[in-house]
Every structure is written in C-alpha cells, then in structure tokens.
C-alpha cells in the first residue's frame, strides 16, 4: 500500500514529466529528503516513505508507466529534430538514466543510418541560425567557415562531416 503523500506527488510528477524508472526513484527520494529537511515530515515518516519508494515504483509500473522502448524512440526523434550530435544524444540518454544496454543496442541500430549525421548537422544549423548570425558580422568566408566549424566541433559533430555540409551550405 502506498501512502497518500507518495501517491499524490507521484501522480503530480508523472502527469507532467516522462521519466525512467531509475530516475523516478531518485526524484522520489530527493523529494522525501527535501521535505524532511524542510521539516514538512517527521523523522519516522521519512524512513517510512523511503521504504515505500519501491512499492510506489512497482505500483506505477503495473499501471503502465516507464515503457523505456517507447521513451527511447520518442526522445531520439526529439533529439534529431533539435539537431543534437551523436555524442550529445548518447550523453542525454545516459543522463536520463536509461538502461545502458538498451541504449547501446538502440543507438547502434539508429546510428547505422548513413544519412543521420547529415540530417543532424542540417537540423542543428537550421535550428541555431549560426550561419546567418555569423554572416551578419561581415567577416571573410574563410573566417566564417572556421568559426562555424569550431562551433560544430564544440557541439560534438565530426570534423569531416561538418566540412562537407558547410561547403554545401556556405560556399
């Protein structure tokens, strides 16, 4: 049985955010600790709620939350639209506390697509408007090319791929 305290907060949080099971466990524990430190709950309730976290997770898992395969697919599509590099996509998945084996298999399958890198680069360039912003500075084409290339390298894109796309986009 889950206490009303955990049920209310869990329902509130899960209605707003899509999280993995491991991340949700951390979030619940942080919430309980925060409330304890702010003296909103007593010490006895603190230990009781900490023990209930696993039951709360099981309860919401039975309802149908925490479908990692679906979450991986949706998150990947969002990252592609935003123009994240392959390295940044991998980092985001690990920060979201997805199962490492599932992430590796999923990304290995997705990264086999030959046009993915080009799509990511073009999406990043379009989303950030970096080419237009740099052109407004009235600098030479060589300096423009180098500045944009360094920005792409900072974002985690490969040098060769960046050069190919920039030659098409700028020159």
Protein backbone atom coordinates (compact mmCIF):
# COMPACT_ATOMS: atom_id res chain seq x y z
CA UNK A 1 0.00 0.00 0.00
CA UNK A 2 1.26 3.44 -0.90
CA UNK A 3 0.76 6.43 1.36
CA UNK A 4 -1.27 9.39 0.11
CA UNK A 5 1.83 11.57 0.34
CA UNK A 6 3.77 9.47 -2.20
CA UNK A 7 0.75 8.77 -4.38
CA UNK A 8 -0.18 12.45 -4.72
CA UNK A 9 3.34 13.58 -5.52
CA UNK A 10 3.97 10.69 -7.90
CA UNK A 11 0.74 11.34 -9.77
CA UNK A 12 1.54 15.03 -9.99
CA UNK A 13 5.09 14.41 -11.24
CA UNK A 14 4.28 11.64 -13.70
CA UNK A 15 1.45 13.67 -15.21
CA UNK A 16 3.96 16.37 -16.12
CA UNK A 17 7.18 14.51 -16.95
CA UNK A 18 8.17 11.37 -18.79
CA UNK A 19 10.97 9.70 -16.80
CA UNK A 20 12.65 6.34 -16.49
CA UNK A 21 12.12 4.10 -13.52
CA UNK A 22 15.60 4.72 -12.08
CA UNK A 23 15.32 8.49 -12.46
CA UNK A 24 11.87 8.49 -10.87
CA UNK A 25 13.23 6.58 -7.88
CA UNK A 26 15.91 9.24 -7.42
CA UNK A 27 13.33 12.01 -7.77
CA UNK A 28 11.09 10.50 -5.09
CA UNK A 29 13.99 10.07 -2.70
CA UNK A 30 15.11 13.66 -3.27
CA UNK A 31 11.56 14.92 -2.66
CA UNK A 32 11.25 12.96 0.59
CA UNK A 33 14.66 14.15 1.79
CA UNK A 34 13.87 17.76 0.86
CA UNK A 35 10.56 17.65 2.74
CA UNK A 36 12.28 16.09 5.75
CA UNK A 37 14.99 18.76 5.79
CA UNK A 38 12.36 21.49 5.47
CA UNK A 39 10.57 19.90 8.45
CA UNK A 40 7.43 19.13 6.43
CA UNK A 41 7.56 15.49 7.51
CA UNK A 42 8.78 13.85 10.70
CA UNK A 43 11.79 11.55 11.01
CA UNK A 44 9.61 8.47 11.44
CA UNK A 45 7.60 9.37 8.32
CA UNK A 46 10.85 10.00 6.44
CA UNK A 47 12.07 6.42 6.99
CA UNK A 48 8.59 5.04 6.28
CA UNK A 49 8.37 6.91 2.95
CA UNK A 50 11.88 5.90 1.90
CA UNK A 51 10.90 2.25 2.40
CA UNK A 52 7.70 2.82 0.38
CA UNK A 53 9.51 4.14 -2.70
CA UNK A 54 9.98 0.68 -4.22
CA UNK A 55 6.28 -0.09 -3.71
CA UNK A 56 5.32 3.18 -5.39
CA UNK A 57 7.52 2.39 -8.37
CA UNK A 58 6.02 -1.10 -8.68
CA UNK A 59 2.53 0.37 -8.49
CA UNK A 60 3.12 2.88 -11.29
CA UNK A 61 4.97 0.30 -13.37
CA UNK A 62 1.92 -2.00 -13.21
CA UNK A 63 -0.29 0.86 -14.37
CA UNK A 64 1.85 1.22 -17.49
CA UNK A 65 4.42 3.92 -16.82
CA UNK A 66 8.13 3.50 -17.56
CA UNK A 67 7.95 2.00 -21.08
CA UNK A 68 11.63 2.53 -21.91
CA UNK A 69 11.50 1.38 -25.54
CA UNK A 70 8.79 3.90 -26.37
CA UNK A 71 10.55 6.62 -24.40
CA UNK A 72 13.83 5.92 -26.23
CA UNK A 73 12.11 6.26 -29.60
CA UNK A 74 10.30 9.48 -28.70
CA UNK A 75 13.39 11.04 -27.12
CA UNK A 76 15.56 10.09 -30.10
CA UNK A 77 13.13 11.71 -32.53
CA UNK A 78 13.12 14.90 -30.41
CA UNK A 79 16.94 14.95 -30.29
CA UNK A 80 17.14 14.59 -34.07
CA UNK A 81 14.70 17.47 -34.54
CA UNK A 82 16.81 19.62 -32.23
CA UNK A 83 19.95 18.73 -34.18
CA UNK A 84 21.96 17.17 -31.38
CA UNK A 85 25.18 15.38 -32.31
CA UNK A 86 25.51 11.63 -31.84
CA UNK A 87 27.71 12.17 -28.80
CA UNK A 88 25.21 14.55 -27.23
CA UNK A 89 22.32 12.14 -27.89
CA UNK A 90 24.20 9.35 -26.15
CA UNK A 91 25.02 11.62 -23.22
CA UNK A 92 21.39 12.76 -22.87
CA UNK A 93 20.18 9.16 -22.73
CA UNK A 94 22.68 8.28 -20.03
CA UNK A 95 21.75 11.38 -18.01
CA UNK A 96 18.11 10.31 -18.19
CA UNK A 97 19.20 7.02 -16.55
CA UNK A 98 18.02 4.67 -19.26
CA UNK A 99 19.33 1.11 -19.06
CA UNK A 100 22.82 1.28 -20.60
CA UNK A 101 22.48 -1.99 -22.57
CA UNK A 102 19.15 -0.92 -24.06
CA UNK A 103 20.58 2.47 -25.00
CA UNK A 104 23.65 0.92 -26.64
CA UNK A 105 21.56 -1.51 -28.72
CA UNK A 106 19.04 1.18 -29.66
CA UNK A 107 21.68 3.70 -30.68
CA UNK A 108 23.74 1.14 -32.56
CA UNK A 109 20.68 0.36 -34.67
CA UNK A 110 19.81 4.04 -35.18
CA UNK A 111 23.38 5.14 -35.94
CA UNK A 112 23.61 2.67 -38.85
CA UNK A 113 21.58 5.13 -40.91
CA UNK A 114 24.03 6.77 -43.32
CA UNK A 115 22.04 10.00 -43.65
CA UNK A 116 21.60 10.53 -39.92
CA UNK A 117 24.77 12.58 -39.44
CA UNK A 118 23.86 14.84 -42.34
CA UNK A 119 20.32 15.26 -41.00
CA UNK A 120 21.62 16.10 -37.51
CA UNK A 121 24.06 18.69 -38.86
CA UNK A 122 21.48 20.36 -41.10
CA UNK A 123 18.92 20.42 -38.28
CA UNK A 124 21.46 21.98 -35.93
CA UNK A 125 22.45 24.63 -38.47
CA UNK A 126 18.81 25.48 -39.17
CA UNK A 127 17.78 25.48 -35.52
CA UNK A 128 20.67 27.63 -34.30
CA UNK A 129 20.76 30.02 -37.30
CA UNK A 130 24.51 30.06 -36.78
CA UNK A 131 25.31 30.67 -40.46
CA UNK A 132 23.04 33.70 -40.69
CA UNK A 133 24.30 35.11 -37.40
CA UNK A 134 27.92 34.79 -38.47
CA UNK A 135 27.23 36.30 -41.91
CA UNK A 136 25.85 39.44 -40.23
CA UNK A 137 29.29 40.03 -38.72
CA UNK A 138 30.68 40.87 -42.19
CA UNK A 139 33.74 38.65 -41.94
CA UNK A 140 35.52 36.82 -44.74
CA UNK A 141 34.24 33.46 -45.95
CA UNK A 142 37.32 31.70 -44.58
CA UNK A 143 36.83 33.17 -41.08
CA UNK A 144 33.11 32.45 -41.27
CA UNK A 145 33.81 28.86 -42.24
CA UNK A 146 36.34 28.41 -39.41
CA UNK A 147 34.08 29.95 -36.75
CA UNK A 148 31.12 27.78 -37.69
CA UNK A 149 33.36 24.71 -37.91
CA UNK A 150 34.65 25.33 -34.38
CA UNK A 151 31.08 25.73 -33.08
CA UNK A 152 30.11 22.44 -34.69
CA UNK A 153 33.13 20.74 -33.12
CA UNK A 154 32.09 22.11 -29.72
CA UNK A 155 28.65 20.57 -30.20
CA UNK A 156 30.23 17.15 -30.85
CA UNK A 157 29.95 16.83 -34.62
CA UNK A 158 32.69 15.07 -36.59
CA UNK A 159 35.14 17.31 -38.47
CA UNK A 160 34.86 15.64 -41.90
CA UNK A 161 31.07 15.60 -41.88
CA UNK A 162 30.96 19.24 -40.78
CA UNK A 163 33.29 20.32 -43.57
CA UNK A 164 31.17 18.56 -46.22
CA UNK A 165 27.91 20.12 -45.02
CA UNK A 166 29.42 23.59 -44.57
CA UNK A 167 30.87 23.53 -48.08
CA UNK A 168 27.37 22.87 -49.42
CA UNK A 169 25.71 25.41 -47.13
CA UNK A 170 28.15 28.34 -47.29
CA UNK A 171 30.15 28.08 -50.47
